Amino acid sequence: MTALIILALVAISTALGLWWRSRQGRTRAVDRPLTLADVPGLTAGDAPGVRGPLVLQVSSATCSPCRATARTWGSLGVAHREVLVEERPEVAEALGVWHTPTSFLFDADGALISRIDGAPTRAAAAEALQAIDAPAGAR
């Protein structure tokens, strides 16, 4: 009987872990319309002189995937700003961040287009940026 309970717990844990992992690094649409100006705690210094898409990444200082994600965005040549959750928790709270890294993709007008929870692959990040450049009706 104990062995069956342990086996069931292992199976459930494995299924939940695989489900969670499958959702990491994937782009998803946002639940509500939001602009950079709507996010409390963001300042004009977070997007100085940005002309085009902006990636706002919420990270933590001790997060290894956060550093890899920052390198990924940097390699794509997009305007990228990183906010540390320890320094500005109000930004993470306003955006509904539960874990780091979480990236938010804003279009040239400052409207939030999508978010990526977890570390995206370079291909997934590039695809998400292409979706920003698409006409509004094609999104």
N, C-alpha and C. Protein backbone atom coordinates (compact mmCIF):
# COMPACT_ATOMS: atom_id res chain seq x y z
N MET A 1 0.83 -1.20 0.00
CA MET A 1 0.00 0.00 0.00
C MET A 1 0.87 1.26 0.00
N THR A 2 1.91 1.30 0.85
CA THR A 2 2.79 2.46 0.92
C THR A 2 3.52 2.66 -0.41
N ALA A 3 3.92 1.58 -1.03
CA ALA A 3 4.61 1.66 -2.31
C ALA A 3 3.70 2.26 -3.39
N LEU A 4 2.40 1.93 -3.36
CA LEU A 4 1.46 2.50 -4.32
C LEU A 4 1.29 4.00 -4.11
N ILE A 5 1.25 4.42 -2.87
CA ILE A 5 1.11 5.85 -2.56
C ILE A 5 2.35 6.61 -3.04
N ILE A 6 3.52 6.06 -2.77
CA ILE A 6 4.76 6.70 -3.22
C ILE A 6 4.81 6.76 -4.73
N LEU A 7 4.44 5.67 -5.39
CA LEU A 7 4.43 5.62 -6.85
C LEU A 7 3.46 6.67 -7.41
N ALA A 8 2.29 6.79 -6.81
CA ALA A 8 1.30 7.78 -7.26
C ALA A 8 1.84 9.20 -7.08
N LEU A 9 2.48 9.48 -5.95
CA LEU A 9 3.04 10.81 -5.70
C LEU A 9 4.15 11.13 -6.70
N VAL A 10 4.98 10.17 -7.00
CA VAL A 10 6.05 10.37 -7.99
C VAL A 10 5.44 10.66 -9.37
N ALA A 11 4.42 9.90 -9.74
CA ALA A 11 3.77 10.10 -11.04
C ALA A 11 3.13 11.48 -11.13
N ILE A 12 2.44 11.90 -10.09
CA ILE A 12 1.79 13.22 -10.08
C ILE A 12 2.84 14.32 -10.13
N SER A 13 3.89 14.18 -9.34
CA SER A 13 4.97 15.18 -9.33
C SER A 13 5.64 15.29 -10.69
N THR A 14 5.88 14.16 -11.31
CA THR A 14 6.50 14.15 -12.62
C THR A 14 5.60 14.82 -13.65
N ALA A 15 4.33 14.52 -13.63
CA ALA A 15 3.38 15.12 -14.57
C ALA A 15 3.32 16.63 -14.38
N LEU A 16 3.23 17.09 -13.15
CA LEU A 16 3.19 18.53 -12.88
C LEU A 16 4.49 19.21 -13.31
N GLY A 17 5.61 18.57 -13.04
CA GLY A 17 6.90 19.14 -13.44
C GLY A 17 7.03 19.25 -14.95
N LEU A 18 6.60 18.25 -15.67
CA LEU A 18 6.65 18.29 -17.13
C LEU A 18 5.71 19.35 -17.70
N TRP A 19 4.53 19.48 -17.10
CA TRP A 19 3.59 20.51 -17.53
C TRP A 19 4.18 21.89 -17.30
N TRP A 20 4.76 22.14 -16.12
CA TRP A 20 5.35 23.44 -15.81
C TRP A 20 6.50 23.75 -16.75
N ARG A 21 7.35 22.77 -16.99
CA ARG A 21 8.51 22.96 -17.87
C ARG A 21 8.08 23.27 -19.29
N SER A 22 7.00 22.67 -19.75
CA SER A 22 6.54 22.90 -21.11
C SER A 22 6.06 24.33 -21.32
N ARG A 23 5.70 25.01 -20.25
CA ARG A 23 5.21 26.39 -20.34
C ARG A 23 6.32 27.42 -20.26
N GLN A 24 7.52 27.03 -19.91
CA GLN A 24 8.63 27.95 -19.74
C GLN A 24 9.20 28.38 -21.09
N GLY A 25 9.47 29.68 -21.20
CA GLY A 25 10.09 30.20 -22.41
C GLY A 25 9.13 30.36 -23.58
N ARG A 26 7.83 30.20 -23.35
CA ARG A 26 6.84 30.34 -24.42
C ARG A 26 6.18 31.70 -24.35
N THR A 27 5.96 32.28 -25.50
CA THR A 27 5.27 33.57 -25.58
C THR A 27 3.79 33.35 -25.38
N ARG A 28 3.19 34.24 -24.60
CA ARG A 28 1.73 34.16 -24.47
C ARG A 28 1.14 35.56 -24.50
N ALA A 29 -0.08 35.63 -24.95
CA ALA A 29 -0.77 36.91 -25.04
C ALA A 29 -1.04 37.45 -23.64
N VAL A 30 -1.21 38.74 -23.55
CA VAL A 30 -1.47 39.36 -22.25
C VAL A 30 -2.97 39.38 -21.99
N ASP A 31 -3.32 39.37 -20.70
CA ASP A 31 -4.72 39.30 -20.30
C ASP A 31 -5.45 40.62 -20.45
N ARG A 32 -4.71 41.72 -20.26
CA ARG A 32 -5.37 43.03 -20.26
C ARG A 32 -4.50 44.03 -21.00
N PRO A 33 -5.13 45.03 -21.61
CA PRO A 33 -4.33 46.05 -22.28
C PRO A 33 -3.55 46.87 -21.25
N LEU A 34 -2.29 47.11 -21.56
CA LEU A 34 -1.42 47.81 -20.62
C LEU A 34 -0.36 48.54 -21.43
N THR A 35 0.07 49.69 -20.95
CA THR A 35 1.16 50.41 -21.57
C THR A 35 2.26 50.62 -20.55
N LEU A 36 3.42 51.03 -21.01
CA LEU A 36 4.53 51.31 -20.11
C LEU A 36 4.13 52.34 -19.06
N ALA A 37 3.33 53.32 -19.47
CA ALA A 37 2.92 54.39 -18.56
C ALA A 37 2.00 53.87 -17.45
N ASP A 38 1.34 52.74 -17.66
CA ASP A 38 0.41 52.17 -16.67
C ASP A 38 1.11 51.39 -15.57
N VAL A 39 2.40 51.10 -15.73
CA VAL A 39 3.10 50.25 -14.77
C VAL A 39 3.70 51.12 -13.66
N PRO A 40 3.16 51.02 -12.45
CA PRO A 40 3.71 51.82 -11.36
C PRO A 40 5.16 51.43 -11.09
N GLY A 41 5.97 52.42 -10.84
CA GLY A 41 7.37 52.15 -10.53
C GLY A 41 8.29 52.28 -11.71
N LEU A 42 7.73 52.27 -12.94
CA LEU A 42 8.58 52.50 -14.11
C LEU A 42 8.74 54.00 -14.29
N THR A 43 9.91 54.40 -14.73
CA THR A 43 10.19 55.81 -14.94
C THR A 43 10.59 56.03 -16.39
N ALA A 44 10.71 57.29 -16.76
CA ALA A 44 11.16 57.61 -18.11
C ALA A 44 12.56 57.06 -18.36
N GLY A 45 13.34 56.90 -17.31
CA GLY A 45 14.68 56.35 -17.44
C GLY A 45 14.70 54.88 -17.82
N ASP A 46 13.57 54.19 -17.68
CA ASP A 46 13.52 52.78 -18.05
C ASP A 46 13.45 52.58 -19.55
N ALA A 47 13.06 53.60 -20.29
CA ALA A 47 12.99 53.50 -21.74
C ALA A 47 13.44 54.80 -22.40
N PRO A 48 14.64 55.28 -22.09
CA PRO A 48 15.07 56.56 -22.67
C PRO A 48 15.36 56.43 -24.15
N GLY A 49 14.74 57.29 -24.94
CA GLY A 49 15.03 57.34 -26.37
C GLY A 49 14.73 56.07 -27.14
N VAL A 50 13.87 55.21 -26.61
CA VAL A 50 13.57 53.96 -27.32
C VAL A 50 12.63 54.27 -28.48
N ARG A 51 13.06 53.84 -29.67
CA ARG A 51 12.22 54.00 -30.86
C ARG A 51 12.04 52.61 -31.45
N GLY A 52 10.98 51.99 -31.14
CA GLY A 52 10.75 50.63 -31.59
C GLY A 52 10.38 49.75 -30.42
N PRO A 53 10.39 48.45 -30.62
CA PRO A 53 9.99 47.53 -29.55
C PRO A 53 10.94 47.64 -28.35
N LEU A 54 10.39 47.33 -27.19
CA LEU A 54 11.16 47.32 -25.95
C LEU A 54 10.85 46.02 -25.21
N VAL A 55 11.89 45.38 -24.71
CA VAL A 55 11.73 44.20 -23.87
C VAL A 55 12.06 44.63 -22.44
N LEU A 56 11.10 44.48 -21.56
CA LEU A 56 11.31 44.76 -20.15
C LEU A 56 11.41 43.41 -19.45
N GLN A 57 12.57 43.13 -18.88
CA GLN A 57 12.80 41.84 -18.24
C GLN A 57 12.83 42.03 -16.73
N VAL A 58 11.99 41.28 -16.02
CA VAL A 58 12.00 41.28 -14.56
C VAL A 58 12.88 40.12 -14.12
N SER A 59 13.93 40.45 -13.37
CA SER A 59 14.94 39.46 -12.98
C SER A 59 15.19 39.55 -11.48
N SER A 60 16.02 38.64 -11.01
CA SER A 60 16.53 38.74 -9.64
C SER A 60 18.05 38.59 -9.72
N ALA A 61 18.72 39.12 -8.71
CA ALA A 61 20.18 39.18 -8.74
C ALA A 61 20.85 37.81 -8.76
N THR A 62 20.23 36.81 -8.17
CA THR A 62 20.87 35.50 -8.07
C THR A 62 20.32 34.48 -9.07
N CYS A 63 19.68 34.95 -10.10
CA CYS A 63 19.00 34.07 -11.07
C CYS A 63 19.89 33.82 -12.28
N SER A 64 20.36 32.58 -12.45
CA SER A 64 21.20 32.23 -13.62
C SER A 64 20.42 32.32 -14.93
N PRO A 65 19.19 31.80 -15.00
CA PRO A 65 18.44 31.94 -16.26
C PRO A 65 18.19 33.40 -16.63
N CYS A 66 18.17 34.29 -15.64
CA CYS A 66 17.96 35.71 -15.93
C CYS A 66 19.14 36.27 -16.73
N ARG A 67 20.34 35.89 -16.35
CA ARG A 67 21.53 36.37 -17.08
C ARG A 67 21.54 35.82 -18.51
N ALA A 68 21.17 34.56 -18.66
CA ALA A 68 21.11 33.97 -20.00
C ALA A 68 20.04 34.66 -20.85
N THR A 69 18.91 34.98 -20.24
CA THR A 69 17.83 35.65 -20.96
C THR A 69 18.27 37.04 -21.39
N ALA A 70 18.97 37.76 -20.53
CA ALA A 70 19.47 39.09 -20.88
C ALA A 70 20.44 39.00 -22.07
N ARG A 71 21.29 38.00 -22.08
CA ARG A 71 22.21 37.80 -23.21
C ARG A 71 21.43 37.50 -24.50
N THR A 72 20.37 36.71 -24.38
CA THR A 72 19.55 36.38 -25.56
C THR A 72 18.95 37.64 -26.15
N TRP A 73 18.32 38.46 -25.33
CA TRP A 73 17.71 39.70 -25.83
C TRP A 73 18.78 40.62 -26.40
N GLY A 74 19.93 40.71 -25.73
CA GLY A 74 21.01 41.55 -26.22
C GLY A 74 21.53 41.10 -27.57
N SER A 75 21.57 39.80 -27.81
CA SER A 75 22.07 39.28 -29.08
C SER A 75 21.12 39.57 -30.23
N LEU A 76 19.88 39.90 -29.92
CA LEU A 76 18.89 40.18 -30.97
C LEU A 76 18.81 41.67 -31.32
N GLY A 77 19.56 42.49 -30.60
CA GLY A 77 19.63 43.92 -30.92
C GLY A 77 18.38 44.71 -30.61
N VAL A 78 17.53 44.22 -29.74
CA VAL A 78 16.32 44.93 -29.36
C VAL A 78 16.60 45.78 -28.13
N ALA A 79 15.87 46.88 -27.98
CA ALA A 79 16.01 47.68 -26.76
C ALA A 79 15.56 46.80 -25.59
N HIS A 80 16.42 46.67 -24.60
CA HIS A 80 16.18 45.75 -23.49
C HIS A 80 16.49 46.44 -22.18
N ARG A 81 15.56 46.41 -21.25
CA ARG A 81 15.78 46.97 -19.93
C ARG A 81 15.50 45.87 -18.92
N GLU A 82 16.33 45.81 -17.90
CA GLU A 82 16.18 44.79 -16.85
C GLU A 82 15.84 45.47 -15.54
N VAL A 83 14.82 44.96 -14.86
CA VAL A 83 14.39 45.47 -13.56
C VAL A 83 14.59 44.35 -12.55
N LEU A 84 15.33 44.64 -11.49
CA LEU A 84 15.54 43.64 -10.45
C LEU A 84 14.38 43.68 -9.46
N VAL A 85 13.78 42.54 -9.22
CA VAL A 85 12.61 42.45 -8.35
C VAL A 85 12.95 42.87 -6.91
N GLU A 86 14.21 42.65 -6.50
CA GLU A 86 14.60 43.02 -5.15
C GLU A 86 14.62 44.54 -4.97
N GLU A 87 14.94 45.26 -6.04
CA GLU A 87 15.03 46.70 -5.96
C GLU A 87 13.71 47.40 -6.25
N ARG A 88 12.87 46.79 -7.09
CA ARG A 88 11.62 47.43 -7.48
C ARG A 88 10.47 46.42 -7.50
N PRO A 89 10.07 45.94 -6.33
CA PRO A 89 9.01 44.92 -6.29
C PRO A 89 7.67 45.42 -6.81
N GLU A 90 7.44 46.72 -6.78
CA GLU A 90 6.16 47.25 -7.27
C GLU A 90 5.97 47.00 -8.75
N VAL A 91 7.06 46.98 -9.51
CA VAL A 91 6.97 46.69 -10.95
C VAL A 91 6.55 45.23 -11.15
N ALA A 92 7.19 44.33 -10.43
CA ALA A 92 6.85 42.91 -10.54
C ALA A 92 5.41 42.65 -10.12
N GLU A 93 4.98 43.33 -9.06
CA GLU A 93 3.60 43.15 -8.59
C GLU A 93 2.60 43.66 -9.62
N ALA A 94 2.86 44.83 -10.18
CA ALA A 94 1.94 45.41 -11.16
C ALA A 94 1.82 44.55 -12.42
N LEU A 95 2.91 43.85 -12.76
CA LEU A 95 2.90 43.03 -13.97
C LEU A 95 2.53 41.57 -13.71
N GLY A 96 2.30 41.23 -12.45
CA GLY A 96 1.89 39.86 -12.11
C GLY A 96 3.00 38.83 -12.27
N VAL A 97 4.22 39.21 -11.90
CA VAL A 97 5.36 38.30 -12.03
C VAL A 97 5.40 37.38 -10.82
N TRP A 98 5.45 36.07 -11.08
CA TRP A 98 5.53 35.07 -10.02
C TRP A 98 6.92 34.48 -9.90
N HIS A 99 7.68 34.49 -11.00
CA HIS A 99 9.04 33.97 -10.96
C HIS A 99 9.88 34.69 -12.01
N THR A 100 11.17 34.59 -11.85
CA THR A 100 12.07 35.24 -12.79
C THR A 100 12.83 34.19 -13.57
N PRO A 101 13.21 34.48 -14.79
CA PRO A 101 12.96 35.71 -15.52
C PRO A 101 11.57 35.72 -16.15
N THR A 102 11.01 36.90 -16.25
CA THR A 102 9.79 37.11 -17.02
C THR A 102 10.04 38.32 -17.89
N SER A 103 9.80 38.18 -19.18
CA SER A 103 10.04 39.26 -20.14
C SER A 103 8.71 39.77 -20.67
N PHE A 104 8.62 41.08 -20.81
CA PHE A 104 7.42 41.73 -21.34
C PHE A 104 7.81 42.46 -22.61
N LEU A 105 7.06 42.24 -23.68
CA LEU A 105 7.37 42.83 -24.97
C LEU A 105 6.38 43.94 -25.28
N PHE A 106 6.91 45.14 -25.41
CA PHE A 106 6.11 46.33 -25.70
C PHE A 106 6.39 46.77 -27.14
N ASP A 107 5.35 47.24 -27.83
CA ASP A 107 5.56 47.73 -29.19
C ASP A 107 6.10 49.16 -29.16
N ALA A 108 6.27 49.76 -30.33
CA ALA A 108 6.86 51.09 -30.43
C ALA A 108 6.01 52.16 -29.75
N ASP A 109 4.71 51.90 -29.60
CA ASP A 109 3.82 52.86 -28.94
C ASP A 109 3.78 52.66 -27.42
N GLY A 110 4.51 51.67 -26.92
CA GLY A 110 4.52 51.41 -25.49
C GLY A 110 3.42 50.49 -25.02
N ALA A 111 2.69 49.85 -25.95
CA ALA A 111 1.61 48.94 -25.58
C ALA A 111 2.18 47.54 -25.35
N LEU A 112 1.74 46.91 -24.28
CA LEU A 112 2.19 45.55 -23.97
C LEU A 112 1.56 44.58 -24.96
N ILE A 113 2.41 43.81 -25.64
CA ILE A 113 1.95 42.87 -26.66
C ILE A 113 1.92 41.45 -26.12
N SER A 114 2.99 41.04 -25.45
CA SER A 114 3.04 39.67 -24.95
C SER A 114 4.04 39.57 -23.81
N ARG A 115 4.06 38.39 -23.18
CA ARG A 115 5.01 38.11 -22.11
C ARG A 115 5.57 36.72 -22.30
N ILE A 116 6.78 36.54 -21.77
CA ILE A 116 7.43 35.24 -21.82
C ILE A 116 7.87 34.91 -20.41
N ASP A 117 7.30 33.87 -19.84
CA ASP A 117 7.70 33.39 -18.52
C ASP A 117 8.82 32.39 -18.70
N GLY A 118 9.89 32.58 -17.97
CA GLY A 118 11.04 31.68 -18.10
C GLY A 118 12.01 32.18 -19.15
N ALA A 119 13.04 31.41 -19.36
CA ALA A 119 14.10 31.77 -20.31
C ALA A 119 13.75 31.26 -21.71
N PRO A 120 13.55 32.17 -22.66
CA PRO A 120 13.24 31.73 -24.02
C PRO A 120 14.50 31.29 -24.77
N THR A 121 14.32 30.43 -25.72
CA THR A 121 15.43 30.13 -26.63
C THR A 121 15.60 31.35 -27.54
N ARG A 122 16.72 31.41 -28.22
CA ARG A 122 16.95 32.54 -29.12
C ARG A 122 15.90 32.55 -30.23
N ALA A 123 15.54 31.36 -30.72
CA ALA A 123 14.53 31.26 -31.79
C ALA A 123 13.17 31.75 -31.31
N ALA A 124 12.78 31.37 -30.09
CA ALA A 124 11.48 31.80 -29.54
C ALA A 124 11.47 33.30 -29.31
N ALA A 125 12.59 33.85 -28.84
CA ALA A 125 12.67 35.29 -28.62
C ALA A 125 12.58 36.05 -29.95
N ALA A 126 13.27 35.57 -30.96
CA ALA A 126 13.22 36.21 -32.28
C ALA A 126 11.81 36.15 -32.86
N GLU A 127 11.15 35.02 -32.68
CA GLU A 127 9.77 34.88 -33.17
C GLU A 127 8.83 35.86 -32.46
N ALA A 128 9.02 36.03 -31.16
CA ALA A 128 8.19 36.96 -30.40
C ALA A 128 8.41 38.39 -30.89
N LEU A 129 9.64 38.74 -31.22
CA LEU A 129 9.93 40.08 -31.74
C LEU A 129 9.31 40.28 -33.12
N GLN A 130 9.31 39.25 -33.95
CA GLN A 130 8.69 39.36 -35.26
C GLN A 130 7.19 39.61 -35.12
N ALA A 131 6.57 39.02 -34.11
CA ALA A 131 5.13 39.22 -33.89
C ALA A 131 4.84 40.66 -33.51
N ILE A 132 5.77 41.32 -32.84
CA ILE A 132 5.57 42.74 -32.48
C ILE A 132 5.56 43.60 -33.74
N ASP A 133 6.43 43.27 -34.68
CA ASP A 133 6.54 44.06 -35.91
C ASP A 133 5.38 43.80 -36.86
N ALA A 134 4.59 42.75 -36.60
CA ALA A 134 3.46 42.44 -37.48
C ALA A 134 2.37 43.49 -37.32
N PRO A 135 1.58 43.73 -38.36
CA PRO A 135 0.46 44.66 -38.24
C PRO A 135 -0.48 44.22 -37.13
N ALA A 136 -1.14 45.19 -36.48
CA ALA A 136 -2.01 44.90 -35.32
C ALA A 136 -3.06 43.84 -35.63
N GLY A 137 -3.62 43.84 -36.83
CA GLY A 137 -4.65 42.87 -37.17
C GLY A 137 -4.12 41.46 -37.31
N ALA A 138 -2.80 41.31 -37.52
CA ALA A 138 -2.22 39.99 -37.73
C ALA A 138 -1.78 39.34 -36.44
N ARG A 139 -1.84 40.06 -35.32
CA ARG A 139 -1.38 39.51 -34.03
C ARG A 139 -2.36 38.55 -33.45
